Amino acid sequence: MQDILIYACDGIREIASTRDQKLIFALPEEPFYVNVDIDKTSLALVNILDNAIRFSPPGSDINIGTVKQNTQVLAWVQDHGIGIPVDKLQKIFEEFYQIEPPNTRRYGGLGIGLTIAKGLIEAQGGRIWAESEGAGTGSTFKVLLPIA
């Protein structure tokens, strides 16, 4: 799993560096092997990482990690950005849903990245969700995948 996360990060590292953002890894040395399609899982993670970069201020850190939980691996991407209202945590995975009203949008995007990520993760027997304490508190996206 660690290799998939690093591969996904390689695809967006340059975007983060243009915003002076640092990707901070909390990856154990012991490899965690997951039963997934590498390309599909990487694409899902890139969508999550792209949001973390876009919705976080310049100069901030984005924390990325994994931990083994019984027969699954939990991966996370934590940002220190704008956060998500608690009542919107489920809605953000709906197709074309965006928290910002269309006439005042500052962050761009089409509102499909998280929908795609959810579909790719769930199609492989995984689970994806977001956690945030609300506006201004940052967000943590978590992905749970079966161990191979």
C-alpha atoms as a PDB file:
ATOM      1  CA  MET A   1       0.000   0.000   0.000  1.00  0.00           C
ATOM      2  CA  GLN A   2       2.853   2.358   0.784  1.00  0.00           C
ATOM      3  CA  ASP A   3       4.144   2.054  -2.797  1.00  0.00           C
ATOM      4  CA  ILE A   4       0.721   2.973  -4.187  1.00  0.00           C
ATOM      5  CA  LEU A   5       0.576   6.069  -1.978  1.00  0.00           C
ATOM      6  CA  ILE A   6       4.072   7.141  -2.996  1.00  0.00           C
ATOM      7  CA  TYR A   7       3.231   6.563  -6.665  1.00  0.00           C
ATOM      8  CA  ALA A   8       0.089   8.710  -6.323  1.00  0.00           C
ATOM      9  CA  CYS A   9       2.083  11.430  -4.554  1.00  0.00           C
ATOM     10  CA  ASP A  10       4.702  11.452  -7.306  1.00  0.00           C
ATOM     11  CA  GLY A  11       1.954  12.500  -9.714  1.00  0.00           C
ATOM     12  CA  ILE A  12       0.987  15.587  -7.700  1.00  0.00           C
ATOM     13  CA  ARG A  13       4.204  16.482  -5.879  1.00  0.00           C
ATOM     14  CA  GLU A  14       5.045  19.258  -8.350  1.00  0.00           C
ATOM     15  CA  ILE A  15       1.643  20.919  -7.870  1.00  0.00           C
ATOM     16  CA  ALA A  16       2.160  20.863  -4.107  1.00  0.00           C
ATOM     17  CA  SER A  17       5.646  22.353  -4.446  1.00  0.00           C
ATOM     18  CA  THR A  18       4.343  25.271  -6.538  1.00  0.00           C
ATOM     19  CA  ARG A  19       2.125  26.086  -3.547  1.00  0.00           C
ATOM     20  CA  ASP A  20       5.028  25.571  -1.120  1.00  0.00           C
ATOM     21  CA  GLN A  21       3.136  22.658   0.444  1.00  0.00           C
ATOM     22  CA  LYS A  22       4.954  19.693   1.943  1.00  0.00           C
ATOM     23  CA  LEU A  23       3.841  16.092   1.745  1.00  0.00           C
ATOM     24  CA  ILE A  24       4.630  14.511   5.120  1.00  0.00           C
ATOM     25  CA  PHE A  25       4.659  10.706   5.220  1.00  0.00           C
ATOM     26  CA  ALA A  26       3.829   8.444   8.151  1.00  0.00           C
ATOM     27  CA  LEU A  27       4.529   5.105   6.492  1.00  0.00           C
ATOM     28  CA  PRO A  28       5.687   2.062   8.431  1.00  0.00           C
ATOM     29  CA  GLU A  29       8.715   0.167   7.167  1.00  0.00           C
ATOM     30  CA  GLU A  30       6.792  -3.112   7.033  1.00  0.00           C
ATOM     31  CA  PRO A  31       5.041  -3.238   3.645  1.00  0.00           C
ATOM     32  CA  PHE A  32       1.272  -3.707   3.618  1.00  0.00           C
ATOM     33  CA  TYR A  33       0.059  -5.673   0.619  1.00  0.00           C
ATOM     34  CA  VAL A  34      -3.476  -4.937  -0.547  1.00  0.00           C
ATOM     35  CA  ASN A  35      -5.626  -6.815  -3.017  1.00  0.00           C
ATOM     36  CA  VAL A  36      -6.357  -3.934  -5.417  1.00  0.00           C
ATOM     37  CA  ASP A  37      -5.695  -2.652  -8.915  1.00  0.00           C
ATOM     38  CA  ILE A  38      -2.702  -0.329  -8.547  1.00  0.00           C
ATOM     39  CA  ASP A  39      -3.775   2.091 -11.295  1.00  0.00           C
ATOM     40  CA  LYS A  40      -7.355   2.431 -10.050  1.00  0.00           C
ATOM     41  CA  THR A  41      -6.292   2.869  -6.441  1.00  0.00           C
ATOM     42  CA  SER A  42      -3.624   5.371  -7.416  1.00  0.00           C
ATOM     43  CA  LEU A  43      -6.160   7.399  -9.412  1.00  0.00           C
ATOM     44  CA  ALA A  44      -8.510   7.469  -6.410  1.00  0.00           C
ATOM     45  CA  LEU A  45      -5.659   8.664  -4.177  1.00  0.00           C
ATOM     46  CA  VAL A  46      -4.566  11.311  -6.691  1.00  0.00           C
ATOM     47  CA  ASN A  47      -8.111  12.734  -6.625  1.00  0.00           C
ATOM     48  CA  ILE A  48      -8.001  12.885  -2.819  1.00  0.00           C
ATOM     49  CA  LEU A  49      -4.517  14.403  -2.799  1.00  0.00           C
ATOM     50  CA  ASP A  50      -5.484  16.959  -5.431  1.00  0.00           C
ATOM     51  CA  ASN A  51      -8.329  18.150  -3.200  1.00  0.00           C
ATOM     52  CA  ALA A  52      -6.021  18.340  -0.201  1.00  0.00           C
ATOM     53  CA  ILE A  53      -3.645  20.560  -2.173  1.00  0.00           C
ATOM     54  CA  ARG A  54      -6.369  22.725  -3.686  1.00  0.00           C
ATOM     55  CA  PHE A  55      -8.271  23.351  -0.458  1.00  0.00           C
ATOM     56  CA  SER A  56      -5.211  23.978   1.752  1.00  0.00           C
ATOM     57  CA  PRO A  57      -3.339  27.250   2.104  1.00  0.00           C
ATOM     58  CA  PRO A  58       0.097  27.748   0.556  1.00  0.00           C
ATOM     59  CA  GLY A  59       2.884  26.672   2.869  1.00  0.00           C
ATOM     60  CA  SER A  60       0.830  24.070   4.702  1.00  0.00           C
ATOM     61  CA  ASP A  61       1.583  20.389   5.291  1.00  0.00           C
ATOM     62  CA  ILE A  62      -0.401  17.466   3.944  1.00  0.00           C
ATOM     63  CA  ASN A  63      -0.020  14.319   6.037  1.00  0.00           C
ATOM     64  CA  ILE A  64      -0.194  10.915   4.366  1.00  0.00           C
ATOM     65  CA  GLY A  65      -0.029   7.587   6.140  1.00  0.00           C
ATOM     66  CA  THR A  66      -1.038   3.975   6.515  1.00  0.00           C
ATOM     67  CA  VAL A  67      -1.665   1.562   9.351  1.00  0.00           C
ATOM     68  CA  LYS A  68      -2.719  -2.080   9.442  1.00  0.00           C
ATOM     69  CA  GLN A  69      -6.090  -2.786  11.068  1.00  0.00           C
ATOM     70  CA  ASN A  70      -6.797  -6.517  11.401  1.00  0.00           C
ATOM     71  CA  THR A  71      -7.435  -7.768   7.836  1.00  0.00           C
ATOM     72  CA  GLN A  72      -7.414  -4.307   6.284  1.00  0.00           C
ATOM     73  CA  VAL A  73      -5.102  -1.387   5.641  1.00  0.00           C
ATOM     74  CA  LEU A  74      -6.175   2.127   6.522  1.00  0.00           C
ATOM     75  CA  ALA A  75      -4.642   4.930   4.464  1.00  0.00           C
ATOM     76  CA  TRP A  76      -5.274   8.610   5.100  1.00  0.00           C
ATOM     77  CA  VAL A  77      -4.659  12.044   3.650  1.00  0.00           C
ATOM     78  CA  GLN A  78      -4.963  14.880   6.157  1.00  0.00           C
ATOM     79  CA  ASP A  79      -4.882  18.539   5.228  1.00  0.00           C
ATOM     80  CA  HIS A  80      -5.031  21.746   7.225  1.00  0.00           C
ATOM     81  CA  GLY A  81      -7.307  23.557   4.815  1.00  0.00           C
ATOM     82  CA  ILE A  82     -10.805  24.981   4.757  1.00  0.00           C
ATOM     83  CA  GLY A  83     -12.487  21.928   6.279  1.00  0.00           C
ATOM     84  CA  ILE A  84     -15.892  20.487   5.492  1.00  0.00           C
ATOM     85  CA  PRO A  85     -19.125  21.289   7.309  1.00  0.00           C
ATOM     86  CA  VAL A  86     -20.119  18.185   9.280  1.00  0.00           C
ATOM     87  CA  ASP A  87     -23.515  17.995   7.568  1.00  0.00           C
ATOM     88  CA  LYS A  88     -21.778  17.826   4.143  1.00  0.00           C
ATOM     89  CA  LEU A  89     -19.344  14.972   4.853  1.00  0.00           C
ATOM     90  CA  GLN A  90     -21.466  12.396   2.997  1.00  0.00           C
ATOM     91  CA  LYS A  91     -22.676  14.714   0.236  1.00  0.00           C
ATOM     92  CA  ILE A  92     -19.175  15.528  -1.016  1.00  0.00           C
ATOM     93  CA  PHE A  93     -19.001  12.069  -2.614  1.00  0.00           C
ATOM     94  CA  GLU A  94     -22.120  12.734  -4.718  1.00  0.00           C
ATOM     95  CA  GLU A  95     -21.598  13.424  -8.411  1.00  0.00           C
ATOM     96  CA  PHE A  96     -21.130  17.132  -9.228  1.00  0.00           C
ATOM     97  CA  TYR A  97     -21.683  18.165  -5.603  1.00  0.00           C
ATOM     98  CA  GLN A  98     -19.631  21.120  -4.425  1.00  0.00           C
ATOM     99  CA  ILE A  99     -19.884  22.914  -1.106  1.00  0.00           C
ATOM    100  CA  GLU A 100     -19.298  26.357  -2.611  1.00  0.00           C
ATOM    101  CA  PRO A 101     -22.163  27.986  -4.510  1.00  0.00           C
ATOM    102  CA  PRO A 102     -21.416  28.187  -8.263  1.00  0.00           C
ATOM    103  CA  ASN A 103     -21.414  31.998  -8.353  1.00  0.00           C
ATOM    104  CA  THR A 104     -18.749  32.358  -5.620  1.00  0.00           C
ATOM    105  CA  ARG A 105     -16.490  29.368  -6.305  1.00  0.00           C
ATOM    106  CA  ARG A 106     -12.795  29.993  -5.626  1.00  0.00           C
ATOM    107  CA  TYR A 107     -11.315  26.504  -5.786  1.00  0.00           C
ATOM    108  CA  GLY A 108     -12.290  25.157  -9.205  1.00  0.00           C
ATOM    109  CA  GLY A 109     -12.973  21.551 -10.103  1.00  0.00           C
ATOM    110  CA  LEU A 110     -16.025  19.818 -11.499  1.00  0.00           C
ATOM    111  CA  GLY A 111     -17.246  18.015  -8.408  1.00  0.00           C
ATOM    112  CA  ILE A 112     -16.520  14.535  -9.725  1.00  0.00           C
ATOM    113  CA  GLY A 113     -13.083  13.681  -8.283  1.00  0.00           C
ATOM    114  CA  LEU A 114     -14.397  12.309  -4.987  1.00  0.00           C
ATOM    115  CA  THR A 115     -17.234  10.494  -6.783  1.00  0.00           C
ATOM    116  CA  ILE A 116     -14.649   8.767  -8.963  1.00  0.00           C
ATOM    117  CA  ALA A 117     -12.453   7.986  -5.951  1.00  0.00           C
ATOM    118  CA  LYS A 118     -15.401   6.462  -4.082  1.00  0.00           C
ATOM    119  CA  GLY A 119     -16.412   4.322  -7.057  1.00  0.00           C
ATOM    120  CA  LEU A 120     -12.876   3.038  -7.595  1.00  0.00           C
ATOM    121  CA  ILE A 121     -12.320   2.194  -3.931  1.00  0.00           C
ATOM    122  CA  GLU A 122     -15.708   0.567  -3.361  1.00  0.00           C
ATOM    123  CA  ALA A 123     -15.444  -1.476  -6.589  1.00  0.00           C
ATOM    124  CA  GLN A 124     -12.397  -3.134  -5.014  1.00  0.00           C
ATOM    125  CA  GLY A 125     -14.106  -4.014  -1.743  1.00  0.00           C
ATOM    126  CA  GLY A 126     -12.841  -0.934   0.073  1.00  0.00           C
ATOM    127  CA  ARG A 127     -14.416   1.964   1.876  1.00  0.00           C
ATOM    128  CA  ILE A 128     -13.746   5.725   1.712  1.00  0.00           C
ATOM    129  CA  TRP A 129     -14.945   8.537   3.947  1.00  0.00           C
ATOM    130  CA  ALA A 130     -14.074  12.024   5.096  1.00  0.00           C
ATOM    131  CA  GLU A 131     -13.717  13.465   8.574  1.00  0.00           C
ATOM    132  CA  SER A 132     -13.715  17.141   9.520  1.00  0.00           C
ATOM    133  CA  GLU A 133     -14.833  19.162  12.502  1.00  0.00           C
ATOM    134  CA  GLY A 134     -16.133  21.899  10.223  1.00  0.00           C
ATOM    135  CA  ALA A 135     -15.025  25.087   8.516  1.00  0.00           C
ATOM    136  CA  GLY A 136     -11.403  26.034   9.074  1.00  0.00           C
ATOM    137  CA  THR A 137     -10.425  22.746  10.733  1.00  0.00           C
ATOM    138  CA  GLY A 138      -8.962  20.840   7.798  1.00  0.00           C
ATOM    139  CA  SER A 139     -10.086  17.446   6.553  1.00  0.00           C
ATOM    140  CA  THR A 140      -8.946  13.859   6.723  1.00  0.00           C
ATOM    141  CA  PHE A 141      -9.868  11.417   3.976  1.00  0.00           C
ATOM    142  CA  LYS A 142      -9.594   7.762   4.905  1.00  0.00           C
ATOM    143  CA  VAL A 143      -9.487   4.683   2.693  1.00  0.00           C
ATOM    144  CA  LEU A 144      -9.863   1.160   4.032  1.00  0.00           C
ATOM    145  CA  LEU A 145      -8.718  -1.669   1.742  1.00  0.00           C
ATOM    146  CA  PRO A 146      -8.510  -5.452   2.183  1.00  0.00           C
ATOM    147  CA  ILE A 147      -5.101  -6.988   2.818  1.00  0.00           C
ATOM    148  CA  ALA A 148      -3.930  -9.389   0.130  1.00  0.00           C
END
